[in-house]
Each structure stands twice: as structure tokens, then as C-alpha cells.
């Protein structure tokens, strides 16, 4: 066999190996111990990616404060169904802030009909009203997840009318390939880390409320209806959480004992509440707007855009580096 004939397979192997390395993050990495030594609860971060994450999670400067006394907004403006007990000046300031948080390029006309602030059109005015109610609900009822830091419109929107990280049900047409049915997987998707895991990890857990924990205390438990695909759905969802928060599995779990709660970090409890919070919001607030959103704000299956962990966190374990904006806009916490 000629030298050329032997070199070609070697070059092919080297080339495939090089392509495989492109999917890996090159060292060095930063490792921080976050729990007792010996339990392998550590946070691994890529210092080359941190600068971009930190820049994307800076809190905007608050608007100058205004007097909180004076006539109430509900007595000053017509058709005001939320924040009516806020002073008119404070309400106007909050509306100006929301404009910069959600639609800086469009201004007030993104939610209001030009020349007529009273009428409930365009549809975005109805949506914005419901989103204000949702924000106040989160800050009031979901402190087990958001704590006193809370959220504002900016937490998710970051200056965009539609948040960057949203989801909808998978396109029914994606279920079939040349080789037959994909069975909801084997189609590498970014939400599951470009793996062959089920590519819709959200419908089951962030809408339908299926049980995420599938690990049992004994082998082959009698009466178990769990299967391998249930495990794959869980793995896909855990990959989403890991990437959405920019953390490792050990941010919540003890690597030597993933299942026991008493051996997990406190962050696991916070995540437990967060999953239920997102599910609650998707069902009670976003799905409830199905008749309001136009088709271009819906997925291919006809469902409205919904939120997941990445909508708020955007790559950090604490959105906006854990800095609260509520001190400057306290009415969103009431």
C-alpha cells in the first residue's frame, strides 16, 4: 500500500478528532468550591465567556425619582386597571421606565394607539397590563424563588419587545424525518445542549406538571411505569437549567448522591420553587392570553410564547447579578 493510501485514513481520523474538539471548551477553567471539601460540589466557569455574560446582566440606571404624593393615577387617567393607587407622577415615571425596558425603539406607541391612550389597542396594551399584574404577583407570591430581589419587566425583556429566551411547542412537522418518526428526539437542539435527547423538555415540565424526579430508591421497583425516555426528558431539562443559569449539576446536587435532598445544596430548593413558579406563570398568565396574541406571537403548533429558566437568568445563577431594581420601582412589588 502506498504512503498516500495510508496517510488519507490517518488525516481523516485527525480531522474528525479536531472537529470533536470544537465542541469542547478549551482550558484553563476556573473552579470554585461551593460546599464542604470532598463532596465535589464545585462551580466550573469559563473565564473567556464571563465578560460577555456580565455585560449582558448590567442593571440600567433608574430614572430620577418623583414625588409619591399628589393625585392618584386612577383619578387622573382613564381606563387604568392596574396601579391606580399610585400617584400620577410615579405612574408616569414607571410607564417611562417600562418603555425603555421593553420597547425603546418604538416608544409609547408600542402599547398605545397614537393620540388615544385610553383605548385598549394595539393588543400589546392588553398584554402589558397583564404582564404588570404578573410581575407584581411574582414579587408578592413567589418570594421562595425570587426573594426580596424580585423582578421587573427588564429582568426578562432587556430592552426587547419579546424576551430573547422563550419557548413554544415543537413543530409537529419536526416529528418525521427521512428515516421515519423522530419520536420527539434525535434532532440536536440548543435547548438540550445539541444532544439527541428529546428536543422539547419544556411542555412536560413547564406546562403539564409532570414529575421530574424519576430515580427510585431500589432497582426495578414493582409497579414502576418509568422508562428510558422519561429519564432522557429529565436529562434534557436539567441541561437546559444548567445552561440557562450558567452552572454545573453540582450547583444544586451532590455528585455522590444526586437524589437525597438533605445532601443537596440550598440552591436545589430554590430551583424547585422556580420550576413551579414558571409553570404557574405559563398557565395562569401567558396561556391565558391565547386569544389576545396574534399568530405571529405564537409557535407552529398555535400556542403562545412561554417562559423558561433562561428568560430571566440569561446565563447567570442570579439574574442581573442579583441586584434588585425594586428599590427604585417599589410599586411593582405590591
Protein backbone atom coordinates (compact mmCIF):
# COMPACT_ATOMS: atom_id res chain seq x y z
CA UNK A 1 0.00 0.00 0.00
CA UNK A 2 1.33 3.43 -0.94
CA UNK A 3 2.22 6.10 1.60
CA UNK A 4 -0.58 8.24 0.20
CA UNK A 5 -3.13 5.49 0.78
CA UNK A 6 -2.06 5.11 4.41
CA UNK A 7 -1.95 8.87 5.04
CA UNK A 8 -5.54 9.51 3.97
CA UNK A 9 -7.20 7.42 6.75
CA UNK A 10 -4.87 8.99 9.31
CA UNK A 11 -5.71 12.50 8.12
CA UNK A 12 -9.40 11.61 8.27
CA UNK A 13 -9.06 10.40 11.88
CA UNK A 14 -7.13 13.53 12.86
CA UNK A 15 -9.71 15.72 11.14
CA UNK A 16 -12.63 14.03 12.91
CA UNK A 17 -10.79 14.32 16.22
CA UNK A 18 -10.26 18.04 15.60
CA UNK A 19 -13.94 18.52 14.81
CA UNK A 20 -14.81 16.77 18.05
CA UNK A 21 -12.61 19.17 19.99
CA UNK A 22 -14.54 22.14 18.58
CA UNK A 23 -17.49 21.08 20.75
CA UNK A 24 -15.37 21.31 23.90
CA UNK A 25 -14.34 24.38 25.87
CA UNK A 26 -10.60 24.75 25.99
CA UNK A 27 -8.79 25.12 29.33
CA UNK A 28 -7.95 26.69 31.64
CA UNK A 29 -11.23 26.81 33.56
CA UNK A 30 -11.97 28.41 36.92
CA UNK A 31 -13.14 26.06 39.67
CA UNK A 32 -14.74 27.37 42.87
CA UNK A 33 -15.57 25.16 45.84
CA UNK A 34 -19.16 25.96 46.91
CA UNK A 35 -19.66 23.41 49.68
CA UNK A 36 -17.71 21.23 52.08
CA UNK A 37 -14.43 19.85 50.66
CA UNK A 38 -14.67 16.28 49.47
CA UNK A 39 -18.25 16.33 48.25
CA UNK A 40 -17.34 17.66 44.80
CA UNK A 41 -19.87 20.49 44.91
CA UNK A 42 -17.99 22.94 42.73
CA UNK A 43 -18.72 25.62 40.17
CA UNK A 44 -16.72 25.43 36.93
CA UNK A 45 -16.71 28.58 34.80
CA UNK A 46 -15.04 29.64 31.59
CA UNK A 47 -13.32 32.99 32.22
CA UNK A 48 -13.37 33.77 28.50
CA UNK A 49 -17.18 33.74 28.49
CA UNK A 50 -17.79 35.56 31.76
CA UNK A 51 -17.14 39.08 30.45
CA UNK A 52 -19.97 38.84 27.90
CA UNK A 53 -22.36 37.42 30.50
CA UNK A 54 -21.56 40.15 32.98
CA UNK A 55 -22.00 42.86 30.35
CA UNK A 56 -25.41 41.46 29.38
CA UNK A 57 -26.57 41.45 33.01
CA UNK A 58 -25.94 45.04 33.96
CA UNK A 59 -28.87 46.87 35.52
CA UNK A 60 -29.96 50.07 33.73
CA UNK A 61 -29.73 53.34 35.62
CA UNK A 62 -33.01 54.24 37.33
CA UNK A 63 -34.99 57.26 36.22
CA UNK A 64 -34.85 60.27 38.57
CA UNK A 65 -37.29 59.89 41.49
CA UNK A 66 -40.53 61.87 41.63
CA UNK A 67 -42.91 62.78 44.49
CA UNK A 68 -45.11 59.90 45.59
CA UNK A 69 -47.91 62.10 46.85
CA UNK A 70 -50.47 64.11 44.90
CA UNK A 71 -53.44 62.91 42.85
CA UNK A 72 -53.73 59.15 42.31
CA UNK A 73 -53.20 57.81 38.81
CA UNK A 74 -56.63 56.19 38.88
CA UNK A 75 -58.20 59.63 39.35
CA UNK A 76 -56.06 61.24 36.66
CA UNK A 77 -56.08 58.73 33.80
CA UNK A 78 -58.99 56.89 32.19
CA UNK A 79 -59.30 53.11 31.76
CA UNK A 80 -56.50 52.49 34.26
CA UNK A 81 -57.00 48.94 35.55
CA UNK A 82 -53.67 48.46 37.33
CA UNK A 83 -51.55 50.72 39.54
CA UNK A 84 -54.48 53.04 40.03
CA UNK A 85 -53.50 53.76 43.64
CA UNK A 86 -50.07 55.02 42.52
CA UNK A 87 -49.55 58.75 42.37
CA UNK A 88 -49.93 60.17 38.88
CA UNK A 89 -46.31 61.33 38.79
CA UNK A 90 -44.99 57.97 40.00
CA UNK A 91 -47.19 56.15 37.49
CA UNK A 92 -45.89 58.30 34.62
CA UNK A 93 -42.30 57.62 35.70
CA UNK A 94 -42.98 53.88 35.76
CA UNK A 95 -44.51 54.00 32.28
CA UNK A 96 -41.42 55.82 31.00
CA UNK A 97 -39.18 53.19 32.59
CA UNK A 98 -41.22 50.36 31.07
CA UNK A 99 -40.81 51.94 27.65
CA UNK A 100 -37.01 51.77 27.95
CA UNK A 101 -37.18 48.25 29.39
CA UNK A 102 -39.43 46.77 26.70
CA UNK A 103 -39.64 48.90 23.57
CA UNK A 104 -37.08 51.71 23.45
CA UNK A 105 -37.13 51.82 19.65
CA UNK A 106 -40.93 52.10 19.41
CA UNK A 107 -41.68 54.28 22.40
CA UNK A 108 -45.16 54.69 23.88
CA UNK A 109 -46.81 53.71 20.59
CA UNK A 110 -45.69 50.12 21.06
CA UNK A 111 -48.50 49.69 23.60
CA UNK A 112 -50.71 52.72 22.92
CA UNK A 113 -52.70 53.89 19.92
CA UNK A 114 -51.26 57.22 18.74
CA UNK A 115 -53.42 60.06 20.01
CA UNK A 116 -55.64 57.81 22.14
CA UNK A 117 -54.09 56.39 25.32
CA UNK A 118 -57.47 55.18 26.62
CA UNK A 119 -58.47 52.61 24.02
CA UNK A 120 -57.33 49.01 24.53
CA UNK A 121 -55.38 48.67 21.33
CA UNK A 122 -53.00 47.61 19.99
CA UNK A 123 -53.05 44.15 21.56
CA UNK A 124 -49.77 44.92 23.30
CA UNK A 125 -51.56 47.23 25.72
CA UNK A 126 -53.70 44.34 26.96
CA UNK A 127 -50.61 42.14 27.20
CA UNK A 128 -48.62 44.81 29.06
CA UNK A 129 -51.42 45.25 31.60
CA UNK A 130 -51.42 41.51 32.28
CA UNK A 131 -47.63 41.44 32.49
CA UNK A 132 -47.66 44.18 35.14
CA UNK A 133 -50.10 42.05 37.12
CA UNK A 134 -47.82 39.06 36.63
CA UNK A 135 -44.74 40.97 37.80
CA UNK A 136 -46.46 42.11 40.98
CA UNK A 137 -47.75 38.56 41.54
CA UNK A 138 -44.22 37.13 41.28
CA UNK A 139 -42.82 39.66 43.73
CA UNK A 140 -45.65 39.06 46.17
CA UNK A 141 -46.35 35.30 45.96
CA UNK A 142 -43.08 33.72 44.80
CA UNK A 143 -40.56 35.03 47.31
CA UNK A 144 -39.42 31.45 47.86
CA UNK A 145 -37.75 31.79 44.47
CA UNK A 146 -37.12 35.48 43.81
CA UNK A 147 -36.59 36.50 47.46
CA UNK A 148 -36.54 40.22 48.15
CA UNK A 149 -34.60 40.85 44.94
CA UNK A 150 -37.73 40.35 42.89
CA UNK A 151 -38.20 41.03 39.20
CA UNK A 152 -39.20 43.88 36.89
CA UNK A 153 -40.07 43.95 33.19
CA UNK A 154 -36.37 44.46 32.44
CA UNK A 155 -35.41 41.17 34.10
CA UNK A 156 -36.78 39.31 31.10
CA UNK A 157 -37.05 41.84 28.29
CA UNK A 158 -33.65 43.57 28.44
CA UNK A 159 -34.78 46.27 26.00
CA UNK A 160 -36.57 43.90 23.60
CA UNK A 161 -40.34 43.69 22.97
CA UNK A 162 -40.10 39.89 23.03
CA UNK A 163 -37.63 38.35 25.51
CA UNK A 164 -34.73 36.54 23.88
CA UNK A 165 -35.33 33.24 25.68
CA UNK A 166 -38.82 31.88 25.10
CA UNK A 167 -40.31 28.57 24.00
CA UNK A 168 -43.33 27.03 22.33
CA UNK A 169 -44.40 23.51 21.49
CA UNK A 170 -42.29 21.75 18.90
CA UNK A 171 -43.35 21.95 15.27
CA UNK A 172 -45.46 18.84 14.52
CA UNK A 173 -43.63 18.58 11.21
CA UNK A 174 -40.34 18.08 13.05
CA UNK A 175 -41.51 14.69 14.28
CA UNK A 176 -40.93 12.99 10.92
CA UNK A 177 -37.66 12.52 9.09
CA UNK A 178 -36.49 10.61 6.04
CA UNK A 179 -35.90 7.54 8.20
CA UNK A 180 -39.31 7.72 9.89
CA UNK A 181 -40.64 9.19 13.11
CA UNK A 182 -38.13 11.03 15.29
CA UNK A 183 -40.29 10.32 18.36
CA UNK A 184 -39.57 13.80 19.65
CA UNK A 185 -35.80 13.36 19.84
CA UNK A 186 -32.64 12.67 17.81
CA UNK A 187 -32.70 16.18 16.38
CA UNK A 188 -29.92 18.15 18.10
CA UNK A 189 -31.42 21.30 19.57
CA UNK A 190 -29.74 24.13 21.51
CA UNK A 191 -32.22 23.84 24.39
CA UNK A 192 -30.83 20.40 25.21
CA UNK A 193 -27.18 21.17 24.54
CA UNK A 194 -27.24 19.92 20.91
CA UNK A 195 -27.68 16.36 22.13
CA UNK A 196 -30.01 13.65 20.80
CA UNK A 197 -32.21 13.98 23.90
CA UNK A 198 -35.91 14.90 23.49
CA UNK A 199 -35.89 18.37 21.96
CA UNK A 200 -38.95 19.66 23.84
CA UNK A 201 -38.07 19.44 27.54
CA UNK A 202 -40.49 22.25 28.43
CA UNK A 203 -44.03 21.06 27.64
CA UNK A 204 -43.84 18.18 30.09
CA UNK A 205 -42.30 20.09 32.99
CA UNK A 206 -43.08 23.78 32.49
CA UNK A 207 -46.67 23.35 31.33
CA UNK A 208 -48.07 19.90 32.10
CA UNK A 209 -46.53 19.49 35.55
CA UNK A 210 -45.09 16.03 35.03
CA UNK A 211 -42.91 14.60 37.80
CA UNK A 212 -39.28 15.41 37.13
CA UNK A 213 -37.79 13.01 39.67
CA UNK A 214 -37.60 9.52 38.18
CA UNK A 215 -34.78 7.99 40.24
CA UNK A 216 -36.01 5.26 42.57
CA UNK A 217 -34.61 4.00 45.85
CA UNK A 218 -34.46 0.39 44.64
CA UNK A 219 -33.70 -1.46 41.42
CA UNK A 220 -36.65 -2.40 39.21
CA UNK A 221 -39.35 -1.19 41.62
CA UNK A 222 -42.65 -3.04 41.38
CA UNK A 223 -45.31 -1.12 39.51
CA UNK A 224 -42.95 1.48 38.05
CA UNK A 225 -44.15 2.96 34.76
CA UNK A 226 -40.99 4.96 34.10
CA UNK A 227 -38.90 4.24 31.04
CA UNK A 228 -35.65 5.33 29.42
CA UNK A 229 -37.28 8.18 27.54
CA UNK A 230 -38.62 9.62 30.82
CA UNK A 231 -35.03 9.72 32.02
CA UNK A 232 -33.92 11.38 28.78
CA UNK A 233 -36.58 14.08 29.15
CA UNK A 234 -35.30 14.79 32.65
CA UNK A 235 -31.69 14.94 31.45
CA UNK A 236 -32.67 17.32 28.65
CA UNK A 237 -34.46 19.60 31.10
CA UNK A 238 -31.52 19.54 33.50
CA UNK A 239 -29.21 20.55 30.63
CA UNK A 240 -31.50 23.50 29.99
CA UNK A 241 -31.35 24.59 33.63
CA UNK A 242 -27.58 24.21 33.70
CA UNK A 243 -27.08 26.35 30.59
CA UNK A 244 -29.78 28.88 31.49
CA UNK A 245 -28.12 29.56 34.85
CA UNK A 246 -24.54 29.05 33.69
CA UNK A 247 -23.94 26.44 36.37
CA UNK A 248 -22.94 22.81 36.78
CA UNK A 249 -25.14 20.00 38.07
CA UNK A 250 -23.40 20.43 41.41
CA UNK A 251 -24.91 23.88 41.81
CA UNK A 252 -27.93 22.02 43.18
CA UNK A 253 -26.88 18.39 43.56
CA UNK A 254 -24.27 16.46 45.48
CA UNK A 255 -22.32 14.47 42.90
CA UNK A 256 -22.08 11.39 45.15
CA UNK A 257 -25.81 11.35 45.91
CA UNK A 258 -27.98 13.20 43.42
CA UNK A 259 -31.31 12.17 44.90
CA UNK A 260 -31.28 12.92 48.69
CA UNK A 261 -32.45 16.43 49.46
CA UNK A 262 -30.60 16.54 52.76
CA UNK A 263 -27.29 16.12 50.90
CA UNK A 264 -28.06 18.74 48.25
CA UNK A 265 -27.23 22.43 48.31
CA UNK A 266 -29.86 25.05 49.27
CA UNK A 267 -29.99 26.08 45.62
CA UNK A 268 -31.93 22.91 44.86
CA UNK A 269 -34.84 24.10 46.99
CA UNK A 270 -34.75 27.46 45.25
CA UNK A 271 -34.79 25.69 41.88
CA UNK A 272 -37.74 23.53 43.00
CA UNK A 273 -39.77 26.66 43.68
CA UNK A 274 -38.55 28.26 40.45
CA UNK A 275 -39.78 25.39 38.28
CA UNK A 276 -43.22 25.61 39.85
CA UNK A 277 -43.24 29.37 39.55
CA UNK A 278 -42.50 29.22 35.80
CA UNK A 279 -45.20 26.57 35.32
CA UNK A 280 -47.68 28.72 37.24
CA UNK A 281 -46.90 31.80 35.14
CA UNK A 282 -47.11 29.91 31.84
CA UNK A 283 -50.54 28.54 32.69
CA UNK A 284 -52.15 31.43 34.53
CA UNK A 285 -50.75 34.42 32.67
CA UNK A 286 -49.29 33.56 29.27
CA UNK A 287 -51.63 30.78 28.15
CA UNK A 288 -54.48 32.97 29.34
CA UNK A 289 -53.55 35.46 26.62
CA UNK A 290 -54.01 32.96 23.79
CA UNK A 291 -56.96 34.89 22.37
CA UNK A 292 -55.06 38.19 22.60
CA UNK A 293 -51.75 37.32 20.94
CA UNK A 294 -51.71 37.39 17.11
CA UNK A 295 -50.47 34.41 15.14
CA UNK A 296 -47.01 35.91 14.72
CA UNK A 297 -46.60 35.72 18.51
CA UNK A 298 -47.40 32.03 18.55
CA UNK A 299 -45.48 28.88 17.74
CA UNK A 300 -46.10 26.50 14.82
CA UNK A 301 -48.50 24.45 16.97
CA UNK A 302 -50.58 27.56 17.68
CA UNK A 303 -49.55 28.04 21.32
CA UNK A 304 -48.36 31.38 22.70
CA UNK A 305 -44.73 32.08 23.53
CA UNK A 306 -43.91 30.95 27.06
CA UNK A 307 -41.07 31.39 29.52
CA UNK A 308 -38.39 29.06 30.84
CA UNK A 309 -35.44 29.41 33.22
CA UNK A 310 -33.35 31.27 30.66
CA UNK A 311 -35.95 34.01 30.21
CA UNK A 312 -34.89 35.64 33.48
CA UNK A 313 -31.48 34.15 34.24
CA UNK A 314 -29.83 34.57 30.84
CA UNK A 315 -26.69 32.67 31.72
CA UNK A 316 -26.23 33.62 35.39
CA UNK A 317 -27.40 31.90 38.55
CA UNK A 318 -28.74 35.27 39.73
CA UNK A 319 -30.34 37.50 37.09
CA UNK A 320 -28.76 40.93 36.80
CA UNK A 321 -26.02 39.74 39.18
CA UNK A 322 -28.55 39.59 42.00
CA UNK A 323 -29.06 43.38 42.07
CA UNK A 324 -32.63 44.43 42.83
CA UNK A 325 -34.40 47.09 40.79
CA UNK A 326 -37.44 47.09 43.10
CA UNK A 327 -35.97 49.67 45.45
CA UNK A 328 -36.32 52.19 42.62
CA UNK A 329 -39.75 50.93 41.49
CA UNK A 330 -41.43 49.67 44.66
CA UNK A 331 -44.93 49.68 43.17
CA UNK A 332 -44.00 46.58 41.18
CA UNK A 333 -43.54 44.74 44.46
CA UNK A 334 -47.01 45.47 45.84
